[in-house]
Amino acid sequence: MSRSYWKGPFIEKSLLKKKIKKIWSRKSVIPSTLIGCYINVYNGKNFKKIFINREKVGFKIGEFSLTRTCGVKIKKDNKIISKKK
């Protein structure tokens, strides 16, 4: 369910400050005051550095720091195959 139109977008109060170092609020909407800034967004394990440009304004911050990684499993066979004659 989306947020009501009359309430406006949700923006964390700490995002409106000029000096932002680290952000834990992934549900906040990116305001236009952050254009041209770098922010560090927490993805559950570490912080990811993101540059904010005009195209990202209005989206949620969590959309740009992925929490899941695509793990590729490689099976290593250490078996020695011997040929019988």
PDB file of N, CA and C in Angstrom:
ATOM      1  N   MET A   1       0.835  -1.169   0.000  1.00  0.00           N
ATOM      2  CA  MET A   1       0.000   0.000   0.000  1.00  0.00           C
ATOM      3  C   MET A   1       0.887   1.241   0.000  1.00  0.00           C
ATOM      4  N   SER A   2       0.555   2.192  -0.789  1.00  0.00           N
ATOM      5  CA  SER A   2       1.370   3.395  -0.900  1.00  0.00           C
ATOM      6  C   SER A   2       0.950   4.451   0.122  1.00  0.00           C
ATOM      7  N   ARG A   3       1.769   5.448   0.249  1.00  0.00           N
ATOM      8  CA  ARG A   3       1.521   6.528   1.197  1.00  0.00           C
ATOM      9  C   ARG A   3       0.462   7.471   0.642  1.00  0.00           C
ATOM     10  N   SER A   4      -0.326   8.081   1.521  1.00  0.00           N
ATOM     11  CA  SER A   4      -1.379   9.003   1.106  1.00  0.00           C
ATOM     12  C   SER A   4      -0.802  10.227   0.403  1.00  0.00           C
ATOM     13  N   TYR A   5      -1.507  10.691  -0.606  1.00  0.00           N
ATOM     14  CA  TYR A   5      -1.038  11.823  -1.403  1.00  0.00           C
ATOM     15  C   TYR A   5      -0.970  13.100  -0.566  1.00  0.00           C
ATOM     16  N   TRP A   6      -1.937  13.298   0.322  1.00  0.00           N
ATOM     17  CA  TRP A   6      -1.988  14.542   1.093  1.00  0.00           C
ATOM     18  C   TRP A   6      -0.880  14.613   2.139  1.00  0.00           C
ATOM     19  N   LYS A   7      -0.276  13.472   2.524  1.00  0.00           N
ATOM     20  CA  LYS A   7       0.823  13.487   3.494  1.00  0.00           C
ATOM     21  C   LYS A   7       2.143  13.916   2.857  1.00  0.00           C
ATOM     22  N   GLY A   8       2.299  13.658   1.593  1.00  0.00           N
ATOM     23  CA  GLY A   8       3.564  13.979   0.930  1.00  0.00           C
ATOM     24  C   GLY A   8       4.576  12.871   1.111  1.00  0.00           C
ATOM     25  N   PRO A   9       5.751  12.979   0.497  1.00  0.00           N
ATOM     26  CA  PRO A   9       6.756  11.923   0.607  1.00  0.00           C
ATOM     27  C   PRO A   9       7.395  11.896   1.993  1.00  0.00           C
ATOM     28  N   PHE A  10       7.801  10.697   2.430  1.00  0.00           N
ATOM     29  CA  PHE A  10       8.462  10.542   3.722  1.00  0.00           C
ATOM     30  C   PHE A  10       9.939  10.857   3.565  1.00  0.00           C
ATOM     31  N   ILE A  11      10.412  11.825   4.329  1.00  0.00           N
ATOM     32  CA  ILE A  11      11.831  12.194   4.324  1.00  0.00           C
ATOM     33  C   ILE A  11      12.296  12.266   5.773  1.00  0.00           C
ATOM     34  N   GLU A  12      13.339  11.526   6.071  1.00  0.00           N
ATOM     35  CA  GLU A  12      13.926  11.548   7.405  1.00  0.00           C
ATOM     36  C   GLU A  12      14.469  12.950   7.690  1.00  0.00           C
ATOM     37  N   LYS A  13      14.297  13.423   8.920  1.00  0.00           N
ATOM     38  CA  LYS A  13      14.725  14.783   9.267  1.00  0.00           C
ATOM     39  C   LYS A  13      16.234  14.967   9.141  1.00  0.00           C
ATOM     40  N   SER A  14      16.991  13.909   9.370  1.00  0.00           N
ATOM     41  CA  SER A  14      18.447  14.025   9.276  1.00  0.00           C
ATOM     42  C   SER A  14      18.926  14.187   7.835  1.00  0.00           C
ATOM     43  N   LEU A  15      18.088  13.829   6.851  1.00  0.00           N
ATOM     44  CA  LEU A  15      18.472  13.978   5.444  1.00  0.00           C
ATOM     45  C   LEU A  15      18.463  15.433   5.001  1.00  0.00           C
ATOM     46  N   LEU A  16      17.718  16.261   5.674  1.00  0.00           N
ATOM     47  CA  LEU A  16      17.613  17.657   5.280  1.00  0.00           C
ATOM     48  C   LEU A  16      18.811  18.489   5.718  1.00  0.00           C
ATOM     49  N   LYS A  17      19.668  17.923   6.570  1.00  0.00           N
ATOM     50  CA  LYS A  17      20.879  18.619   6.981  1.00  0.00           C
ATOM     51  C   LYS A  17      21.896  18.570   5.860  1.00  0.00           C
ATOM     52  N   LYS A  18      22.780  19.546   5.806  1.00  0.00           N
ATOM     53  CA  LYS A  18      23.761  19.640   4.728  1.00  0.00           C
ATOM     54  C   LYS A  18      24.858  18.583   4.846  1.00  0.00           C
ATOM     55  N   LYS A  19      25.344  18.344   6.060  1.00  0.00           N
ATOM     56  CA  LYS A  19      26.453  17.416   6.246  1.00  0.00           C
ATOM     57  C   LYS A  19      25.906  16.031   6.584  1.00  0.00           C
ATOM     58  N   ILE A  20      25.838  15.197   5.579  1.00  0.00           N
ATOM     59  CA  ILE A  20      25.342  13.837   5.763  1.00  0.00           C
ATOM     60  C   ILE A  20      26.493  12.885   5.516  1.00  0.00           C
ATOM     61  N   LYS A  21      26.732  12.016   6.464  1.00  0.00           N
ATOM     62  CA  LYS A  21      27.798  11.054   6.283  1.00  0.00           C
ATOM     63  C   LYS A  21      27.238   9.661   6.032  1.00  0.00           C
ATOM     64  N   LYS A  22      26.427   9.167   6.947  1.00  0.00           N
ATOM     65  CA  LYS A  22      25.908   7.818   6.839  1.00  0.00           C
ATOM     66  C   LYS A  22      24.395   7.826   7.036  1.00  0.00           C
ATOM     67  N   ILE A  23      23.704   7.005   6.241  1.00  0.00           N
ATOM     68  CA  ILE A  23      22.247   6.957   6.291  1.00  0.00           C
ATOM     69  C   ILE A  23      21.807   5.520   6.521  1.00  0.00           C
ATOM     70  N   TRP A  24      20.962   5.311   7.514  1.00  0.00           N
ATOM     71  CA  TRP A  24      20.383   4.009   7.777  1.00  0.00           C
ATOM     72  C   TRP A  24      18.943   3.922   7.289  1.00  0.00           C
ATOM     73  N   SER A  25      18.343   5.053   6.986  1.00  0.00           N
ATOM     74  CA  SER A  25      16.932   5.100   6.591  1.00  0.00           C
ATOM     75  C   SER A  25      16.801   4.823   5.093  1.00  0.00           C
ATOM     76  N   ARG A  26      16.515   3.560   4.753  1.00  0.00           N
ATOM     77  CA  ARG A  26      16.368   3.176   3.354  1.00  0.00           C
ATOM     78  C   ARG A  26      14.978   3.497   2.821  1.00  0.00           C
ATOM     79  N   LYS A  27      14.020   3.753   3.712  1.00  0.00           N
ATOM     80  CA  LYS A  27      12.642   4.005   3.283  1.00  0.00           C
ATOM     81  C   LYS A  27      12.376   5.464   2.934  1.00  0.00           C
ATOM     82  N   SER A  28      13.337   6.329   3.169  1.00  0.00           N
ATOM     83  CA  SER A  28      13.161   7.758   2.880  1.00  0.00           C
ATOM     84  C   SER A  28      13.251   8.040   1.393  1.00  0.00           C
ATOM     85  N   VAL A  29      12.548   9.074   0.957  1.00  0.00           N
ATOM     86  CA  VAL A  29      12.590   9.524  -0.430  1.00  0.00           C
ATOM     87  C   VAL A  29      13.741  10.512  -0.578  1.00  0.00           C
ATOM     88  N   ILE A  30      14.437  10.463  -1.708  1.00  0.00           N
ATOM     89  CA  ILE A  30      15.576  11.348  -1.934  1.00  0.00           C
ATOM     90  C   ILE A  30      15.068  12.754  -2.247  1.00  0.00           C
ATOM     91  N   PRO A  31      15.413  13.758  -1.414  1.00  0.00           N
ATOM     92  CA  PRO A  31      14.976  15.129  -1.684  1.00  0.00           C
ATOM     93  C   PRO A  31      15.880  15.814  -2.711  1.00  0.00           C
ATOM     94  N   SER A  32      15.397  16.902  -3.269  1.00  0.00           N
ATOM     95  CA  SER A  32      16.163  17.607  -4.298  1.00  0.00           C
ATOM     96  C   SER A  32      17.344  18.391  -3.719  1.00  0.00           C
ATOM     97  N   THR A  33      17.403  18.534  -2.410  1.00  0.00           N
ATOM     98  CA  THR A  33      18.515  19.258  -1.796  1.00  0.00           C
ATOM     99  C   THR A  33      19.809  18.453  -1.818  1.00  0.00           C
ATOM    100  N   LEU A  34      19.734  17.155  -2.108  1.00  0.00           N
ATOM    101  CA  LEU A  34      20.918  16.299  -2.093  1.00  0.00           C
ATOM    102  C   LEU A  34      21.564  16.138  -3.464  1.00  0.00           C
ATOM    103  N   ILE A  35      21.103  16.871  -4.469  1.00  0.00           N
ATOM    104  CA  ILE A  35      21.661  16.728  -5.815  1.00  0.00           C
ATOM    105  C   ILE A  35      23.133  17.135  -5.805  1.00  0.00           C
ATOM    106  N   GLY A  36      23.977  16.266  -6.345  1.00  0.00           N
ATOM    107  CA  GLY A  36      25.407  16.529  -6.418  1.00  0.00           C
ATOM    108  C   GLY A  36      26.177  16.081  -5.201  1.00  0.00           C
ATOM    109  N   CYS A  37      25.544  15.388  -4.261  1.00  0.00           N
ATOM    110  CA  CYS A  37      26.206  14.933  -3.038  1.00  0.00           C
ATOM    111  C   CYS A  37      26.436  13.431  -3.077  1.00  0.00           C
ATOM    112  N   TYR A  38      27.422  12.999  -2.319  1.00  0.00           N
ATOM    113  CA  TYR A  38      27.650  11.578  -2.090  1.00  0.00           C
ATOM    114  C   TYR A  38      27.075  11.220  -0.736  1.00  0.00           C
ATOM    115  N   ILE A  39      26.363  10.084  -0.650  1.00  0.00           N
ATOM    116  CA  ILE A  39      25.846   9.609   0.623  1.00  0.00           C
ATOM    117  C   ILE A  39      26.241   8.151   0.779  1.00  0.00           C
ATOM    118  N   ASN A  40      26.379   7.722   2.024  1.00  0.00           N
ATOM    119  CA  ASN A  40      26.677   6.329   2.340  1.00  0.00           C
ATOM    120  C   ASN A  40      25.413   5.697   2.892  1.00  0.00           C
ATOM    121  N   VAL A  41      24.926   4.669   2.215  1.00  0.00           N
ATOM    122  CA  VAL A  41      23.676   4.010   2.596  1.00  0.00           C
ATOM    123  C   VAL A  41      23.997   2.627   3.131  1.00  0.00           C
ATOM    124  N   TYR A  42      23.405   2.289   4.268  1.00  0.00           N
ATOM    125  CA  TYR A  42      23.635   0.999   4.913  1.00  0.00           C
ATOM    126  C   TYR A  42      22.747  -0.056   4.272  1.00  0.00           C
ATOM    127  N   ASN A  43      23.331  -1.174   3.838  1.00  0.00           N
ATOM    128  CA  ASN A  43      22.541  -2.212   3.195  1.00  0.00           C
ATOM    129  C   ASN A  43      22.358  -3.448   4.070  1.00  0.00           C
ATOM    130  N   GLY A  44      22.670  -3.345   5.354  1.00  0.00           N
ATOM    131  CA  GLY A  44      22.516  -4.459   6.271  1.00  0.00           C
ATOM    132  C   GLY A  44      23.833  -5.087   6.667  1.00  0.00           C
ATOM    133  N   LYS A  45      24.860  -4.860   5.877  1.00  0.00           N
ATOM    134  CA  LYS A  45      26.182  -5.415   6.167  1.00  0.00           C
ATOM    135  C   LYS A  45      27.260  -4.346   6.162  1.00  0.00           C
ATOM    136  N   ASN A  46      27.226  -3.481   5.164  1.00  0.00           N
ATOM    137  CA  ASN A  46      28.214  -2.410   5.065  1.00  0.00           C
ATOM    138  C   ASN A  46      27.578  -1.206   4.368  1.00  0.00           C
ATOM    139  N   PHE A  47      28.333  -0.134   4.272  1.00  0.00           N
ATOM    140  CA  PHE A  47      27.835   1.082   3.662  1.00  0.00           C
ATOM    141  C   PHE A  47      28.248   1.144   2.193  1.00  0.00           C
ATOM    142  N   LYS A  48      27.331   1.585   1.344  1.00  0.00           N
ATOM    143  CA  LYS A  48      27.606   1.721  -0.077  1.00  0.00           C
ATOM    144  C   LYS A  48      27.530   3.195  -0.437  1.00  0.00           C
ATOM    145  N   LYS A  49      28.558   3.687  -1.128  1.00  0.00           N
ATOM    146  CA  LYS A  49      28.631   5.099  -1.497  1.00  0.00           C
ATOM    147  C   LYS A  49      27.809   5.333  -2.767  1.00  0.00           C
ATOM    148  N   ILE A  50      26.907   6.315  -2.719  1.00  0.00           N
ATOM    149  CA  ILE A  50      26.007   6.595  -3.837  1.00  0.00           C
ATOM    150  C   ILE A  50      26.075   8.080  -4.168  1.00  0.00           C
ATOM    151  N   PHE A  51      26.168   8.392  -5.453  1.00  0.00           N
ATOM    152  CA  PHE A  51      26.139   9.772  -5.920  1.00  0.00           C
ATOM    153  C   PHE A  51      24.710  10.106  -6.339  1.00  0.00           C
ATOM    154  N   ILE A  52      24.187  11.217  -5.846  1.00  0.00           N
ATOM    155  CA  ILE A  52      22.807  11.620  -6.134  1.00  0.00           C
ATOM    156  C   ILE A  52      22.809  12.593  -7.304  1.00  0.00           C
ATOM    157  N   ASN A  53      22.066  12.255  -8.361  1.00  0.00           N
ATOM    158  CA  ASN A  53      21.884  13.160  -9.489  1.00  0.00           C
ATOM    159  C   ASN A  53      20.386  13.420  -9.689  1.00  0.00           C
ATOM    160  N   ARG A  54      20.037  14.182 -10.692  1.00  0.00           N
ATOM    161  CA  ARG A  54      18.645  14.605 -10.880  1.00  0.00           C
ATOM    162  C   ARG A  54      17.703  13.441 -11.159  1.00  0.00           C
ATOM    163  N   GLU A  55      18.191  12.401 -11.780  1.00  0.00           N
ATOM    164  CA  GLU A  55      17.342  11.271 -12.111  1.00  0.00           C
ATOM    165  C   GLU A  55      16.930  10.457 -10.890  1.00  0.00           C
ATOM    166  N   LYS A  56      17.686  10.553  -9.807  1.00  0.00           N
ATOM    167  CA  LYS A  56      17.399   9.763  -8.611  1.00  0.00           C
ATOM    168  C   LYS A  56      16.455  10.456  -7.636  1.00  0.00           C
ATOM    169  N   VAL A  57      16.161  11.717  -7.840  1.00  0.00           N
ATOM    170  CA  VAL A  57      15.283  12.467  -6.935  1.00  0.00           C
ATOM    171  C   VAL A  57      13.866  11.910  -7.047  1.00  0.00           C
ATOM    172  N   GLY A  58      13.243  11.637  -5.905  1.00  0.00           N
ATOM    173  CA  GLY A  58      11.898  11.100  -5.870  1.00  0.00           C
ATOM    174  C   GLY A  58      11.845   9.602  -5.642  1.00  0.00           C
ATOM    175  N   PHE A  59      12.965   8.910  -5.850  1.00  0.00           N
ATOM    176  CA  PHE A  59      13.020   7.481  -5.576  1.00  0.00           C
ATOM    177  C   PHE A  59      13.412   7.260  -4.124  1.00  0.00           C
ATOM    178  N   LYS A  60      13.197   6.050  -3.637  1.00  0.00           N
ATOM    179  CA  LYS A  60      13.609   5.733  -2.277  1.00  0.00           C
ATOM    180  C   LYS A  60      15.100   5.415  -2.255  1.00  0.00           C
ATOM    181  N   ILE A  61      15.745   5.685  -1.132  1.00  0.00           N
ATOM    182  CA  ILE A  61      17.184   5.509  -1.013  1.00  0.00           C
ATOM    183  C   ILE A  61      17.565   4.031  -1.097  1.00  0.00           C
ATOM    184  N   GLY A  62      16.730   3.157  -0.583  1.00  0.00           N
ATOM    185  CA  GLY A  62      17.026   1.731  -0.578  1.00  0.00           C
ATOM    186  C   GLY A  62      17.063   1.094  -1.942  1.00  0.00           C
ATOM    187  N   GLU A  63      16.541   1.754  -2.953  1.00  0.00           N
ATOM    188  CA  GLU A  63      16.540   1.183  -4.295  1.00  0.00           C
ATOM    189  C   GLU A  63      17.932   1.160  -4.916  1.00  0.00           C
ATOM    190  N   PHE A  64      18.837   1.962  -4.394  1.00  0.00           N
ATOM    191  CA  PHE A  64      20.159   2.084  -4.995  1.00  0.00           C
ATOM    192  C   PHE A  64      21.248   1.357  -4.220  1.00  0.00           C
ATOM    193  N   SER A  65      20.928   0.756  -3.096  1.00  0.00           N
ATOM    194  CA  SER A  65      21.904  -0.062  -2.376  1.00  0.00           C
ATOM    195  C   SER A  65      21.285  -1.437  -2.171  1.00  0.00           C
ATOM    196  N   LEU A  66      21.680  -2.358  -3.004  1.00  0.00           N
ATOM    197  CA  LEU A  66      21.109  -3.697  -2.977  1.00  0.00           C
ATOM    198  C   LEU A  66      21.585  -4.462  -1.755  1.00  0.00           C
ATOM    199  N   THR A  67      20.695  -5.271  -1.184  1.00  0.00           N
ATOM    200  CA  THR A  67      21.018  -6.018   0.023  1.00  0.00           C
ATOM    201  C   THR A  67      21.419  -7.446  -0.287  1.00  0.00           C
ATOM    202  N   ARG A  68      21.068  -7.932  -1.439  1.00  0.00           N
ATOM    203  CA  ARG A  68      21.365  -9.318  -1.774  1.00  0.00           C
ATOM    204  C   ARG A  68      22.438  -9.391  -2.851  1.00  0.00           C
ATOM    205  N   THR A  69      23.264 -10.385  -2.734  1.00  0.00           N
ATOM    206  CA  THR A  69      24.298 -10.581  -3.731  1.00  0.00           C
ATOM    207  C   THR A  69      23.988 -11.846  -4.519  1.00  0.00           C
ATOM    208  N   CYS A  70      24.376 -11.851  -5.751  1.00  0.00           N
ATOM    209  CA  CYS A  70      24.161 -13.005  -6.614  1.00  0.00           C
ATOM    210  C   CYS A  70      25.348 -13.945  -6.438  1.00  0.00           C
ATOM    211  N   GLY A  71      25.131 -15.012  -5.720  1.00  0.00           N
ATOM    212  CA  GLY A  71      26.209 -15.955  -5.474  1.00  0.00           C
ATOM    213  C   GLY A  71      26.233 -17.051  -6.526  1.00  0.00           C
ATOM    214  N   VAL A  72      27.365 -17.230  -7.115  1.00  0.00           N
ATOM    215  CA  VAL A  72      27.537 -18.284  -8.107  1.00  0.00           C
ATOM    216  C   VAL A  72      28.315 -19.411  -7.447  1.00  0.00           C
ATOM    217  N   LYS A  73      27.728 -20.598  -7.453  1.00  0.00           N
ATOM    218  CA  LYS A  73      28.396 -21.740  -6.837  1.00  0.00           C
ATOM    219  C   LYS A  73      29.107 -22.544  -7.913  1.00  0.00           C
ATOM    220  N   ILE A  74      30.365 -22.729  -7.698  1.00  0.00           N
ATOM    221  CA  ILE A  74      31.169 -23.511  -8.622  1.00  0.00           C
ATOM    222  C   ILE A  74      31.572 -24.800  -7.914  1.00  0.00           C
ATOM    223  N   LYS A  75      31.208 -25.894  -8.521  1.00  0.00           N
ATOM    224  CA  LYS A  75      31.541 -27.168  -7.924  1.00  0.00           C
ATOM    225  C   LYS A  75      32.946 -27.561  -8.367  1.00  0.00           C
ATOM    226  N   LYS A  76      33.777 -27.812  -7.393  1.00  0.00           N
ATOM    227  CA  LYS A  76      35.154 -28.204  -7.686  1.00  0.00           C
ATOM    228  C   LYS A  76      35.292 -29.701  -7.444  1.00  0.00           C
ATOM    229  N   ASP A  77      35.614 -30.392  -8.485  1.00  0.00           N
ATOM    230  CA  ASP A  77      35.835 -31.831  -8.373  1.00  0.00           C
ATOM    231  C   ASP A  77      37.334 -32.093  -8.268  1.00  0.00           C
ATOM    232  N   ASN A  78      37.721 -32.677  -7.193  1.00  0.00           N
ATOM    233  CA  ASN A  78      39.125 -33.020  -6.996  1.00  0.00           C
ATOM    234  C   ASN A  78      39.355 -34.512  -7.199  1.00  0.00           C
ATOM    235  N   LYS A  79      38.474 -35.142  -7.961  1.00  0.00           N
ATOM    236  CA  LYS A  79      38.578 -36.576  -8.182  1.00  0.00           C
ATOM    237  C   LYS A  79      39.598 -36.853  -9.287  1.00  0.00           C
ATOM    238  N   ILE A  80      40.353 -37.862  -9.081  1.00  0.00           N
ATOM    239  CA  ILE A  80      41.308 -38.292 -10.109  1.00  0.00           C
ATOM    240  C   ILE A  80      40.642 -39.407 -10.897  1.00  0.00           C
ATOM    241  N   ILE A  81      40.520 -39.211 -12.165  1.00  0.00           N
ATOM    242  CA  ILE A  81      39.895 -40.206 -13.036  1.00  0.00           C
ATOM    243  C   ILE A  81      40.997 -41.057 -13.660  1.00  0.00           C
ATOM    244  N   SER A  82      40.928 -42.352 -13.395  1.00  0.00           N
ATOM    245  CA  SER A  82      41.954 -43.247 -13.951  1.00  0.00           C
ATOM    246  C   SER A  82      41.311 -44.077 -15.056  1.00  0.00           C
ATOM    247  N   LYS A  83      42.043 -44.261 -16.100  1.00  0.00           N
ATOM    248  CA  LYS A  83      41.571 -45.061 -17.227  1.00  0.00           C
ATOM    249  C   LYS A  83      42.063 -46.498 -17.063  1.00  0.00           C
ATOM    250  N   LYS A  84      41.137 -47.422 -17.150  1.00  0.00           N
ATOM    251  CA  LYS A  84      41.501 -48.837 -17.071  1.00  0.00           C
ATOM    252  C   LYS A  84      41.501 -49.409 -18.474  1.00  0.00           C
ATOM    253  N   LYS A  85      42.527 -50.193 -18.793  1.00  0.00           N
ATOM    254  CA  LYS A  85      42.620 -50.825 -20.114  1.00  0.00           C
ATOM    255  C   LYS A  85      42.393 -52.289 -20.020  1.00  0.00           C
TER     256      LYS A  85
END
